[in-house]
Amino acid sequence: TYTLTGPELLSTPDQVSLLRKAHGRQIGIVDVPLDVARRQL
């Protein structure tokens, strides 16, 4: 049994920063509170 991961620990802001660099444009993050996300589901 294998536990697969990428080579680095990245937060959501870290991931978005990498996307911004790769795409050359602004990408935002929206923090959705858990109770709101639950209700939306």
PDB file of all heavy atoms in Angstrom:
ATOM      1  N   THR A   1       0.868  -1.173   0.000  1.00  0.00           N
ATOM      2  CA  THR A   1       0.000   0.000   0.000  1.00  0.00           C
ATOM      3  C   THR A   1       0.898   1.214   0.000  1.00  0.00           C
ATOM      4  O   THR A   1       1.852   1.285   0.794  1.00  0.00           O
ATOM      5  CB  THR A   1      -0.904   0.017   1.252  1.00  0.00           C
ATOM      6  OG1 THR A   1      -1.695  -1.164   1.264  1.00  0.00           O
ATOM      7  CG2 THR A   1      -1.797   1.240   1.264  1.00  0.00           C
ATOM      8  N   TYR A   2       0.606   2.160  -0.858  1.00  0.00           N
ATOM      9  CA  TYR A   2       1.429   3.362  -0.970  1.00  0.00           C
ATOM     10  C   TYR A   2       0.628   4.593  -0.576  1.00  0.00           C
ATOM     11  O   TYR A   2      -0.550   4.702  -0.910  1.00  0.00           O
ATOM     12  CB  TYR A   2       1.943   3.531  -2.402  1.00  0.00           C
ATOM     13  CG  TYR A   2       2.820   2.388  -2.865  1.00  0.00           C
ATOM     14  CD1 TYR A   2       2.349   1.453  -3.774  1.00  0.00           C
ATOM     15  CD2 TYR A   2       4.114   2.253  -2.381  1.00  0.00           C
ATOM     16  CE1 TYR A   2       3.151   0.404  -4.195  1.00  0.00           C
ATOM     17  CE2 TYR A   2       4.919   1.203  -2.789  1.00  0.00           C
ATOM     18  CZ  TYR A   2       4.430   0.282  -3.698  1.00  0.00           C
ATOM     19  OH  TYR A   2       5.233  -0.755  -4.104  1.00  0.00           O
ATOM     20  N   THR A   3       1.289   5.479   0.109  1.00  0.00           N
ATOM     21  CA  THR A   3       0.716   6.790   0.406  1.00  0.00           C
ATOM     22  C   THR A   3       1.457   7.776  -0.480  1.00  0.00           C
ATOM     23  O   THR A   3       2.644   8.045  -0.286  1.00  0.00           O
ATOM     24  CB  THR A   3       0.892   7.160   1.894  1.00  0.00           C
ATOM     25  OG1 THR A   3       0.208   6.169   2.672  1.00  0.00           O
ATOM     26  CG2 THR A   3       0.322   8.536   2.181  1.00  0.00           C
ATOM     27  N   LEU A   4       0.757   8.297  -1.460  1.00  0.00           N
ATOM     28  CA  LEU A   4       1.390   9.164  -2.452  1.00  0.00           C
ATOM     29  C   LEU A   4       1.217  10.622  -2.097  1.00  0.00           C
ATOM     30  O   LEU A   4       0.128  11.051  -1.719  1.00  0.00           O
ATOM     31  CB  LEU A   4       0.777   8.902  -3.833  1.00  0.00           C
ATOM     32  CG  LEU A   4       0.805   7.457  -4.315  1.00  0.00           C
ATOM     33  CD1 LEU A   4       0.148   7.350  -5.674  1.00  0.00           C
ATOM     34  CD2 LEU A   4       2.214   6.909  -4.334  1.00  0.00           C
ATOM     35  N   THR A   5       2.297  11.369  -2.235  1.00  0.00           N
ATOM     36  CA  THR A   5       2.251  12.815  -2.041  1.00  0.00           C
ATOM     37  C   THR A   5       3.139  13.459  -3.095  1.00  0.00           C
ATOM     38  O   THR A   5       3.974  12.795  -3.710  1.00  0.00           O
ATOM     39  CB  THR A   5       2.771  13.240  -0.652  1.00  0.00           C
ATOM     40  OG1 THR A   5       4.191  13.040  -0.590  1.00  0.00           O
ATOM     41  CG2 THR A   5       2.080  12.478   0.473  1.00  0.00           C
ATOM     42  N   GLY A   6       2.940  14.733  -3.265  1.00  0.00           N
ATOM     43  CA  GLY A   6       3.868  15.494  -4.078  1.00  0.00           C
ATOM     44  C   GLY A   6       5.156  15.691  -3.304  1.00  0.00           C
ATOM     45  O   GLY A   6       5.302  15.210  -2.166  1.00  0.00           O
ATOM     46  N   PRO A   7       6.110  16.437  -3.868  1.00  0.00           N
ATOM     47  CA  PRO A   7       7.412  16.582  -3.234  1.00  0.00           C
ATOM     48  C   PRO A   7       7.504  17.713  -2.203  1.00  0.00           C
ATOM     49  O   PRO A   7       8.559  17.893  -1.599  1.00  0.00           O
ATOM     50  CB  PRO A   7       8.328  16.880  -4.422  1.00  0.00           C
ATOM     51  CG  PRO A   7       7.448  17.625  -5.369  1.00  0.00           C
ATOM     52  CD  PRO A   7       6.093  16.985  -5.234  1.00  0.00           C
ATOM     53  N   GLU A   8       6.409  18.455  -2.019  1.00  0.00           N
ATOM     54  CA  GLU A   8       6.470  19.606  -1.109  1.00  0.00           C
ATOM     55  C   GLU A   8       5.118  19.844  -0.461  1.00  0.00           C
ATOM     56  O   GLU A   8       4.081  19.534  -1.041  1.00  0.00           O
ATOM     57  CB  GLU A   8       6.902  20.850  -1.893  1.00  0.00           C
ATOM     58  CG  GLU A   8       5.994  21.139  -3.074  1.00  0.00           C
ATOM     59  CD  GLU A   8       6.627  21.986  -4.157  1.00  0.00           C
ATOM     60  OE1 GLU A   8       7.619  22.680  -3.893  1.00  0.00           O
ATOM     61  OE2 GLU A   8       6.115  21.936  -5.281  1.00  0.00           O
ATOM     62  N   LEU A   9       5.152  20.371   0.746  1.00  0.00           N
ATOM     63  CA  LEU A   9       3.918  20.762   1.421  1.00  0.00           C
ATOM     64  C   LEU A   9       3.570  22.177   0.973  1.00  0.00           C
ATOM     65  O   LEU A   9       4.395  23.090   1.102  1.00  0.00           O
ATOM     66  CB  LEU A   9       4.092  20.733   2.945  1.00  0.00           C
ATOM     67  CG  LEU A   9       4.252  19.358   3.579  1.00  0.00           C
ATOM     68  CD1 LEU A   9       4.504  19.504   5.078  1.00  0.00           C
ATOM     69  CD2 LEU A   9       3.035  18.490   3.320  1.00  0.00           C
ATOM     70  N   LEU A  10       2.367  22.343   0.443  1.00  0.00           N
ATOM     71  CA  LEU A  10       1.938  23.650  -0.052  1.00  0.00           C
ATOM     72  C   LEU A  10       0.587  24.010   0.537  1.00  0.00           C
ATOM     73  O   LEU A  10      -0.351  23.216   0.496  1.00  0.00           O
ATOM     74  CB  LEU A  10       1.814  23.631  -1.581  1.00  0.00           C
ATOM     75  CG  LEU A  10       3.085  23.360  -2.365  1.00  0.00           C
ATOM     76  CD1 LEU A  10       2.754  23.157  -3.839  1.00  0.00           C
ATOM     77  CD2 LEU A  10       4.067  24.503  -2.195  1.00  0.00           C
ATOM     78  N   SER A  11       0.493  25.226   1.038  1.00  0.00           N
ATOM     79  CA  SER A  11      -0.797  25.734   1.484  1.00  0.00           C
ATOM     80  C   SER A  11      -1.602  26.153   0.254  1.00  0.00           C
ATOM     81  O   SER A  11      -1.062  26.248  -0.862  1.00  0.00           O
ATOM     82  CB  SER A  11      -0.587  26.941   2.399  1.00  0.00           C
ATOM     83  OG  SER A  11      -0.036  28.018   1.637  1.00  0.00           O
ATOM     84  N   THR A  12      -2.864  26.449   0.447  1.00  0.00           N
ATOM     85  CA  THR A  12      -3.669  26.963  -0.661  1.00  0.00           C
ATOM     86  C   THR A  12      -3.071  28.261  -1.203  1.00  0.00           C
ATOM     87  O   THR A  12      -2.938  28.400  -2.422  1.00  0.00           O
ATOM     88  CB  THR A  12      -5.131  27.147  -0.228  1.00  0.00           C
ATOM     89  OG1 THR A  12      -5.645  25.864   0.165  1.00  0.00           O
ATOM     90  CG2 THR A  12      -5.980  27.707  -1.350  1.00  0.00           C
ATOM     91  N   PRO A  13      -2.681  29.217  -0.358  1.00  0.00           N
ATOM     92  CA  PRO A  13      -2.035  30.418  -0.910  1.00  0.00           C
ATOM     93  C   PRO A  13      -0.766  30.100  -1.703  1.00  0.00           C
ATOM     94  O   PRO A  13      -0.498  30.737  -2.723  1.00  0.00           O
ATOM     95  CB  PRO A  13      -1.732  31.268   0.325  1.00  0.00           C
ATOM     96  CG  PRO A  13      -2.765  30.851   1.316  1.00  0.00           C
ATOM     97  CD  PRO A  13      -2.945  29.367   1.081  1.00  0.00           C
ATOM     98  N   ASP A  14       0.012  29.110  -1.261  1.00  0.00           N
ATOM     99  CA  ASP A  14       1.211  28.702  -2.012  1.00  0.00           C
ATOM    100  C   ASP A  14       0.829  28.199  -3.402  1.00  0.00           C
ATOM    101  O   ASP A  14       1.456  28.552  -4.401  1.00  0.00           O
ATOM    102  CB  ASP A  14       1.960  27.582  -1.289  1.00  0.00           C
ATOM    103  CG  ASP A  14       2.580  27.985   0.030  1.00  0.00           C
ATOM    104  OD1 ASP A  14       2.842  29.187   0.239  1.00  0.00           O
ATOM    105  OD2 ASP A  14       2.790  27.073   0.862  1.00  0.00           O
ATOM    106  N   GLN A  15      -0.196  27.358  -3.461  1.00  0.00           N
ATOM    107  CA  GLN A  15      -0.640  26.800  -4.736  1.00  0.00           C
ATOM    108  C   GLN A  15      -1.143  27.902  -5.668  1.00  0.00           C
ATOM    109  O   GLN A  15      -0.821  27.918  -6.861  1.00  0.00           O
ATOM    110  CB  GLN A  15      -1.741  25.762  -4.512  1.00  0.00           C
ATOM    111  CG  GLN A  15      -1.258  24.522  -3.802  1.00  0.00           C
ATOM    112  CD  GLN A  15      -2.384  23.587  -3.460  1.00  0.00           C
ATOM    113  OE1 GLN A  15      -3.292  23.374  -4.255  1.00  0.00           O
ATOM    114  NE2 GLN A  15      -2.334  23.026  -2.264  1.00  0.00           N
ATOM    115  N   VAL A  16      -1.905  28.828  -5.128  1.00  0.00           N
ATOM    116  CA  VAL A  16      -2.430  29.930  -5.935  1.00  0.00           C
ATOM    117  C   VAL A  16      -1.289  30.812  -6.437  1.00  0.00           C
ATOM    118  O   VAL A  16      -1.299  31.258  -7.584  1.00  0.00           O
ATOM    119  CB  VAL A  16      -3.478  30.742  -5.145  1.00  0.00           C
ATOM    120  CG1 VAL A  16      -3.861  32.012  -5.876  1.00  0.00           C
ATOM    121  CG2 VAL A  16      -4.706  29.879  -4.892  1.00  0.00           C
ATOM    122  N   SER A  17      -0.288  31.028  -5.627  1.00  0.00           N
ATOM    123  CA  SER A  17       0.872  31.811  -6.056  1.00  0.00           C
ATOM    124  C   SER A  17       1.564  31.146  -7.242  1.00  0.00           C
ATOM    125  O   SER A  17       1.952  31.823  -8.205  1.00  0.00           O
ATOM    126  CB  SER A  17       1.856  31.973  -4.891  1.00  0.00           C
ATOM    127  OG  SER A  17       3.004  32.657  -5.306  1.00  0.00           O
ATOM    128  N   LEU A  18       1.706  29.834  -7.206  1.00  0.00           N
ATOM    129  CA  LEU A  18       2.318  29.114  -8.320  1.00  0.00           C
ATOM    130  C   LEU A  18       1.458  29.216  -9.584  1.00  0.00           C
ATOM    131  O   LEU A  18       1.977  29.369 -10.689  1.00  0.00           O
ATOM    132  CB  LEU A  18       2.543  27.649  -7.949  1.00  0.00           C
ATOM    133  CG  LEU A  18       3.601  27.412  -6.876  1.00  0.00           C
ATOM    134  CD1 LEU A  18       3.576  25.965  -6.401  1.00  0.00           C
ATOM    135  CD2 LEU A  18       4.982  27.783  -7.393  1.00  0.00           C
ATOM    136  N   LEU A  19       0.145  29.146  -9.413  1.00  0.00           N
ATOM    137  CA  LEU A  19      -0.754  29.313 -10.562  1.00  0.00           C
ATOM    138  C   LEU A  19      -0.643  30.716 -11.145  1.00  0.00           C
ATOM    139  O   LEU A  19      -0.616  30.887 -12.365  1.00  0.00           O
ATOM    140  CB  LEU A  19      -2.199  29.023 -10.162  1.00  0.00           C
ATOM    141  CG  LEU A  19      -2.540  27.556  -9.922  1.00  0.00           C
ATOM    142  CD1 LEU A  19      -3.929  27.420  -9.302  1.00  0.00           C
ATOM    143  CD2 LEU A  19      -2.459  26.764 -11.211  1.00  0.00           C
ATOM    144  N   ARG A  20      -0.565  31.711 -10.270  1.00  0.00           N
ATOM    145  CA  ARG A  20      -0.403  33.095 -10.753  1.00  0.00           C
ATOM    146  C   ARG A  20       0.851  33.236 -11.610  1.00  0.00           C
ATOM    147  O   ARG A  20       0.830  33.847 -12.671  1.00  0.00           O
ATOM    148  CB  ARG A  20      -0.302  34.059  -9.567  1.00  0.00           C
ATOM    149  CG  ARG A  20      -1.582  34.376  -8.888  1.00  0.00           C
ATOM    150  CD  ARG A  20      -1.341  35.417  -7.785  1.00  0.00           C
ATOM    151  NE  ARG A  20      -2.513  35.538  -6.961  1.00  0.00           N
ATOM    152  CZ  ARG A  20      -2.522  35.405  -5.639  1.00  0.00           C
ATOM    153  NH1 ARG A  20      -1.393  35.180  -4.978  1.00  0.00           N
ATOM    154  NH2 ARG A  20      -3.638  35.527  -4.965  1.00  0.00           N
ATOM    155  N   LYS A  21       1.950  32.675 -11.114  1.00  0.00           N
ATOM    156  CA  LYS A  21       3.219  32.767 -11.844  1.00  0.00           C
ATOM    157  C   LYS A  21       3.136  32.052 -13.188  1.00  0.00           C
ATOM    158  O   LYS A  21       3.607  32.560 -14.195  1.00  0.00           O
ATOM    159  CB  LYS A  21       4.354  32.185 -11.000  1.00  0.00           C
ATOM    160  CG  LYS A  21       4.722  33.033  -9.821  1.00  0.00           C
ATOM    161  CD  LYS A  21       5.770  32.365  -8.964  1.00  0.00           C
ATOM    162  CE  LYS A  21       6.002  33.142  -7.691  1.00  0.00           C
ATOM    163  NZ  LYS A  21       6.858  32.429  -6.744  1.00  0.00           N
ATOM    164  N   ALA A  22       2.546  30.875 -13.203  1.00  0.00           N
ATOM    165  CA  ALA A  22       2.473  30.088 -14.432  1.00  0.00           C
ATOM    166  C   ALA A  22       1.556  30.721 -15.470  1.00  0.00           C
ATOM    167  O   ALA A  22       1.794  30.616 -16.663  1.00  0.00           O
ATOM    168  CB  ALA A  22       2.002  28.667 -14.127  1.00  0.00           C
ATOM    169  N   HIS A  23       0.526  31.406 -15.000  1.00  0.00           N
ATOM    170  CA  HIS A  23      -0.485  31.947 -15.915  1.00  0.00           C
ATOM    171  C   HIS A  23      -0.363  33.444 -16.144  1.00  0.00           C
ATOM    172  O   HIS A  23      -1.036  33.991 -17.015  1.00  0.00           O
ATOM    173  CB  HIS A  23      -1.880  31.577 -15.416  1.00  0.00           C
ATOM    174  CG  HIS A  23      -2.047  30.097 -15.283  1.00  0.00           C
ATOM    175  ND1 HIS A  23      -2.080  29.245 -16.361  1.00  0.00           N
ATOM    176  CD2 HIS A  23      -2.128  29.302 -14.192  1.00  0.00           C
ATOM    177  CE1 HIS A  23      -2.187  28.009 -15.935  1.00  0.00           C
ATOM    178  NE2 HIS A  23      -2.204  28.012 -14.629  1.00  0.00           N
ATOM    179  N   GLY A  24       0.471  34.095 -15.343  1.00  0.00           N
ATOM    180  CA  GLY A  24       0.703  35.518 -15.545  1.00  0.00           C
ATOM    181  C   GLY A  24      -0.507  36.392 -15.335  1.00  0.00           C
ATOM    182  O   GLY A  24      -0.665  37.425 -15.989  1.00  0.00           O
ATOM    183  N   ARG A  25      -1.373  35.988 -14.437  1.00  0.00           N
ATOM    184  CA  ARG A  25      -2.551  36.817 -14.142  1.00  0.00           C
ATOM    185  C   ARG A  25      -2.967  36.636 -12.690  1.00  0.00           C
ATOM    186  O   ARG A  25      -2.532  35.704 -12.013  1.00  0.00           O
ATOM    187  CB  ARG A  25      -3.696  36.476 -15.077  1.00  0.00           C
ATOM    188  CG  ARG A  25      -4.239  35.093 -14.913  1.00  0.00           C
ATOM    189  CD  ARG A  25      -5.434  34.897 -15.850  1.00  0.00           C
ATOM    190  NE  ARG A  25      -6.114  33.685 -15.501  1.00  0.00           N
ATOM    191  CZ  ARG A  25      -6.513  32.781 -16.363  1.00  0.00           C
ATOM    192  NH1 ARG A  25      -6.306  32.966 -17.638  1.00  0.00           N
ATOM    193  NH2 ARG A  25      -7.131  31.715 -15.970  1.00  0.00           N
ATOM    194  N   GLN A  26      -3.809  37.526 -12.239  1.00  0.00           N
ATOM    195  CA  GLN A  26      -4.285  37.472 -10.863  1.00  0.00           C
ATOM    196  C   GLN A  26      -5.284  36.335 -10.682  1.00  0.00           C
ATOM    197  O   GLN A  26      -6.157  36.120 -11.518  1.00  0.00           O
ATOM    198  CB  GLN A  26      -4.939  38.791 -10.462  1.00  0.00           C
ATOM    199  CG  GLN A  26      -3.944  39.893 -10.194  1.00  0.00           C
ATOM    200  CD  GLN A  26      -3.009  39.533  -9.047  1.00  0.00           C
ATOM    201  OE1 GLN A  26      -3.413  39.018  -8.013  1.00  0.00           O
ATOM    202  NE2 GLN A  26      -1.728  39.797  -9.248  1.00  0.00           N
ATOM    203  N   ILE A  27      -5.117  35.596  -9.616  1.00  0.00           N
ATOM    204  CA  ILE A  27      -6.042  34.537  -9.224  1.00  0.00           C
ATOM    205  C   ILE A  27      -6.282  34.742  -7.738  1.00  0.00           C
ATOM    206  O   ILE A  27      -5.333  34.873  -6.967  1.00  0.00           O
ATOM    207  CB  ILE A  27      -5.455  33.140  -9.479  1.00  0.00           C
ATOM    208  CG1 ILE A  27      -5.124  32.968 -10.964  1.00  0.00           C
ATOM    209  CG2 ILE A  27      -6.422  32.057  -9.006  1.00  0.00           C
ATOM    210  CD1 ILE A  27      -4.345  31.709 -11.281  1.00  0.00           C
ATOM    211  N   GLY A  28      -7.528  34.777  -7.346  1.00  0.00           N
ATOM    212  CA  GLY A  28      -7.852  35.034  -5.947  1.00  0.00           C
ATOM    213  C   GLY A  28      -8.241  33.771  -5.197  1.00  0.00           C
ATOM    214  O   GLY A  28      -8.416  32.702  -5.770  1.00  0.00           O
ATOM    215  N   ILE A  29      -8.358  33.944  -3.912  1.00  0.00           N
ATOM    216  CA  ILE A  29      -8.784  32.874  -3.013  1.00  0.00           C
ATOM    217  C   ILE A  29     -10.022  33.370  -2.284  1.00  0.00           C
ATOM    218  O   ILE A  29     -10.049  34.508  -1.801  1.00  0.00           O
ATOM    219  CB  ILE A  29      -7.697  32.538  -1.972  1.00  0.00           C
ATOM    220  CG1 ILE A  29      -6.432  32.051  -2.659  1.00  0.00           C
ATOM    221  CG2 ILE A  29      -8.213  31.496  -0.975  1.00  0.00           C
ATOM    222  CD1 ILE A  29      -5.264  31.869  -1.704  1.00  0.00           C
ATOM    223  N   VAL A  30     -11.030  32.526  -2.193  1.00  0.00           N
ATOM    224  CA  VAL A  30     -12.227  32.856  -1.430  1.00  0.00           C
ATOM    225  C   VAL A  30     -12.326  31.850  -0.298  1.00  0.00           C
ATOM    226  O   VAL A  30     -12.401  30.641  -0.539  1.00  0.00           O
ATOM    227  CB  VAL A  30     -13.498  32.789  -2.321  1.00  0.00           C
ATOM    228  CG1 VAL A  30     -14.734  33.027  -1.483  1.00  0.00           C
ATOM    229  CG2 VAL A  30     -13.399  33.778  -3.464  1.00  0.00           C
ATOM    230  N   ASP A  31     -12.294  32.348   0.918  1.00  0.00           N
ATOM    231  CA  ASP A  31     -12.406  31.477   2.086  1.00  0.00           C
ATOM    232  C   ASP A  31     -13.893  31.307   2.404  1.00  0.00           C
ATOM    233  O   ASP A  31     -14.553  32.255   2.841  1.00  0.00           O
ATOM    234  CB  ASP A  31     -11.659  32.083   3.272  1.00  0.00           C
ATOM    235  CG  ASP A  31     -11.624  31.157   4.476  1.00  0.00           C
ATOM    236  OD1 ASP A  31     -11.871  29.947   4.306  1.00  0.00           O
ATOM    237  OD2 ASP A  31     -11.358  31.650   5.580  1.00  0.00           O
ATOM    238  N   VAL A  32     -14.425  30.126   2.160  1.00  0.00           N
ATOM    239  CA  VAL A  32     -15.825  29.848   2.415  1.00  0.00           C
ATOM    240  C   VAL A  32     -15.935  29.191   3.786  1.00  0.00           C
ATOM    241  O   VAL A  32     -15.374  28.107   4.001  1.00  0.00           O
ATOM    242  CB  VAL A  32     -16.421  28.917   1.333  1.00  0.00           C
ATOM    243  CG1 VAL A  32     -17.887  28.612   1.620  1.00  0.00           C
ATOM    244  CG2 VAL A  32     -16.249  29.532  -0.052  1.00  0.00           C
ATOM    245  N   PRO A  33     -16.627  29.833   4.730  1.00  0.00           N
ATOM    246  CA  PRO A  33     -16.796  29.226   6.060  1.00  0.00           C
ATOM    247  C   PRO A  33     -17.458  27.845   5.945  1.00  0.00           C
ATOM    248  O   PRO A  33     -18.286  27.605   5.054  1.00  0.00           O
ATOM    249  CB  PRO A  33     -17.704  30.212   6.804  1.00  0.00           C
ATOM    250  CG  PRO A  33     -17.507  31.516   6.084  1.00  0.00           C
ATOM    251  CD  PRO A  33     -17.270  31.150   4.651  1.00  0.00           C
ATOM    252  N   LEU A  34     -17.079  26.940   6.827  1.00  0.00           N
ATOM    253  CA  LEU A  34     -17.570  25.573   6.751  1.00  0.00           C
ATOM    254  C   LEU A  34     -19.095  25.483   6.821  1.00  0.00           C
ATOM    255  O   LEU A  34     -19.699  24.674   6.108  1.00  0.00           O
ATOM    256  CB  LEU A  34     -16.937  24.714   7.846  1.00  0.00           C
ATOM    257  CG  LEU A  34     -15.429  24.476   7.720  1.00  0.00           C
ATOM    258  CD1 LEU A  34     -14.936  23.614   8.872  1.00  0.00           C
ATOM    259  CD2 LEU A  34     -15.072  23.849   6.390  1.00  0.00           C
ATOM    260  N   ASP A  35     -19.721  26.318   7.648  1.00  0.00           N
ATOM    261  CA  ASP A  35     -21.180  26.244   7.735  1.00  0.00           C
ATOM    262  C   ASP A  35     -21.834  26.671   6.418  1.00  0.00           C
ATOM    263  O   ASP A  35     -22.858  26.126   6.010  1.00  0.00           O
ATOM    264  CB  ASP A  35     -21.710  27.061   8.916  1.00  0.00           C
ATOM    265  CG  ASP A  35     -21.369  28.534   8.846  1.00  0.00           C
ATOM    266  OD1 ASP A  35     -20.265  28.891   8.377  1.00  0.00           O
ATOM    267  OD2 ASP A  35     -22.213  29.358   9.262  1.00  0.00           O
ATOM    268  N   VAL A  36     -21.223  27.625   5.737  1.00  0.00           N
ATOM    269  CA  VAL A  36     -21.740  28.064   4.439  1.00  0.00           C
ATOM    270  C   VAL A  36     -21.526  26.971   3.395  1.00  0.00           C
ATOM    271  O   VAL A  36     -22.429  26.654   2.609  1.00  0.00           O
ATOM    272  CB  VAL A  36     -21.071  29.391   4.000  1.00  0.00           C
ATOM    273  CG1 VAL A  36     -21.467  29.760   2.583  1.00  0.00           C
ATOM    274  CG2 VAL A  36     -21.417  30.507   4.978  1.00  0.00           C
ATOM    275  N   ALA A  37     -20.353  26.368   3.389  1.00  0.00           N
ATOM    276  CA  ALA A  37     -20.060  25.291   2.438  1.00  0.00           C
ATOM    277  C   ALA A  37     -21.002  24.112   2.651  1.00  0.00           C
ATOM    278  O   ALA A  37     -21.521  23.534   1.690  1.00  0.00           O
ATOM    279  CB  ALA A  37     -18.606  24.849   2.575  1.00  0.00           C
ATOM    280  N   ARG A  38     -21.242  23.775   3.905  1.00  0.00           N
ATOM    281  CA  ARG A  38     -22.169  22.675   4.222  1.00  0.00           C
ATOM    282  C   ARG A  38     -23.549  22.985   3.683  1.00  0.00           C
ATOM    283  O   ARG A  38     -24.177  22.154   3.021  1.00  0.00           O
ATOM    284  CB  ARG A  38     -22.220  22.448   5.730  1.00  0.00           C
ATOM    285  CG  ARG A  38     -23.112  21.303   6.150  1.00  0.00           C
ATOM    286  CD  ARG A  38     -23.143  21.164   7.692  1.00  0.00           C
ATOM    287  NE  ARG A  38     -23.771  19.953   8.112  1.00  0.00           N
ATOM    288  CZ  ARG A  38     -25.080  19.752   8.127  1.00  0.00           C
ATOM    289  NH1 ARG A  38     -25.914  20.701   7.724  1.00  0.00           N
ATOM    290  NH2 ARG A  38     -25.583  18.601   8.528  1.00  0.00           N
ATOM    291  N   ARG A  39     -24.046  24.182   3.942  1.00  0.00           N
ATOM    292  CA  ARG A  39     -25.369  24.589   3.468  1.00  0.00           C
ATOM    293  C   ARG A  39     -25.432  24.553   1.935  1.00  0.00           C
ATOM    294  O   ARG A  39     -26.408  24.082   1.355  1.00  0.00           O
ATOM    295  CB  ARG A  39     -25.723  25.979   3.982  1.00  0.00           C
ATOM    296  CG  ARG A  39     -27.160  26.392   3.627  1.00  0.00           C
ATOM    297  CD  ARG A  39     -27.542  27.780   4.119  1.00  0.00           C
ATOM    298  NE  ARG A  39     -26.874  28.781   3.279  1.00  0.00           N
ATOM    299  CZ  ARG A  39     -25.952  29.643   3.709  1.00  0.00           C
ATOM    300  NH1 ARG A  39     -25.583  29.659   4.970  1.00  0.00           N
ATOM    301  NH2 ARG A  39     -25.392  30.500   2.884  1.00  0.00           N
ATOM    302  N   GLN A  40     -24.382  25.026   1.275  1.00  0.00           N
ATOM    303  CA  GLN A  40     -24.361  25.032  -0.187  1.00  0.00           C
ATOM    304  C   GLN A  40     -24.401  23.614  -0.753  1.00  0.00           C
ATOM    305  O   GLN A  40     -25.060  23.369  -1.770  1.00  0.00           O
ATOM    306  CB  GLN A  40     -23.124  25.777  -0.701  1.00  0.00           C
ATOM    307  CG  GLN A  40     -23.214  27.271  -0.473  1.00  0.00           C
ATOM    308  CD  GLN A  40     -21.930  28.006  -0.847  1.00  0.00           C
ATOM    309  OE1 GLN A  40     -20.851  27.415  -0.895  1.00  0.00           O
ATOM    310  NE2 GLN A  40     -22.051  29.296  -1.091  1.00  0.00           N
ATOM    311  N   LEU A  41     -23.706  22.685  -0.125  1.00  0.00           N
ATOM    312  CA  LEU A  41     -23.744  21.300  -0.582  1.00  0.00           C
ATOM    313  C   LEU A  41     -25.161  20.726  -0.477  1.00  0.00           C
ATOM    314  O   LEU A  41     -25.645  20.055  -1.398  1.00  0.00           O
ATOM    315  CB  LEU A  41     -22.765  20.438   0.215  1.00  0.00           C
ATOM    316  CG  LEU A  41     -21.291  20.601  -0.126  1.00  0.00           C
ATOM    317  CD1 LEU A  41     -20.425  19.884   0.896  1.00  0.00           C
ATOM    318  CD2 LEU A  41     -21.009  20.094  -1.535  1.00  0.00           C
TER     319      LEU A  41
END
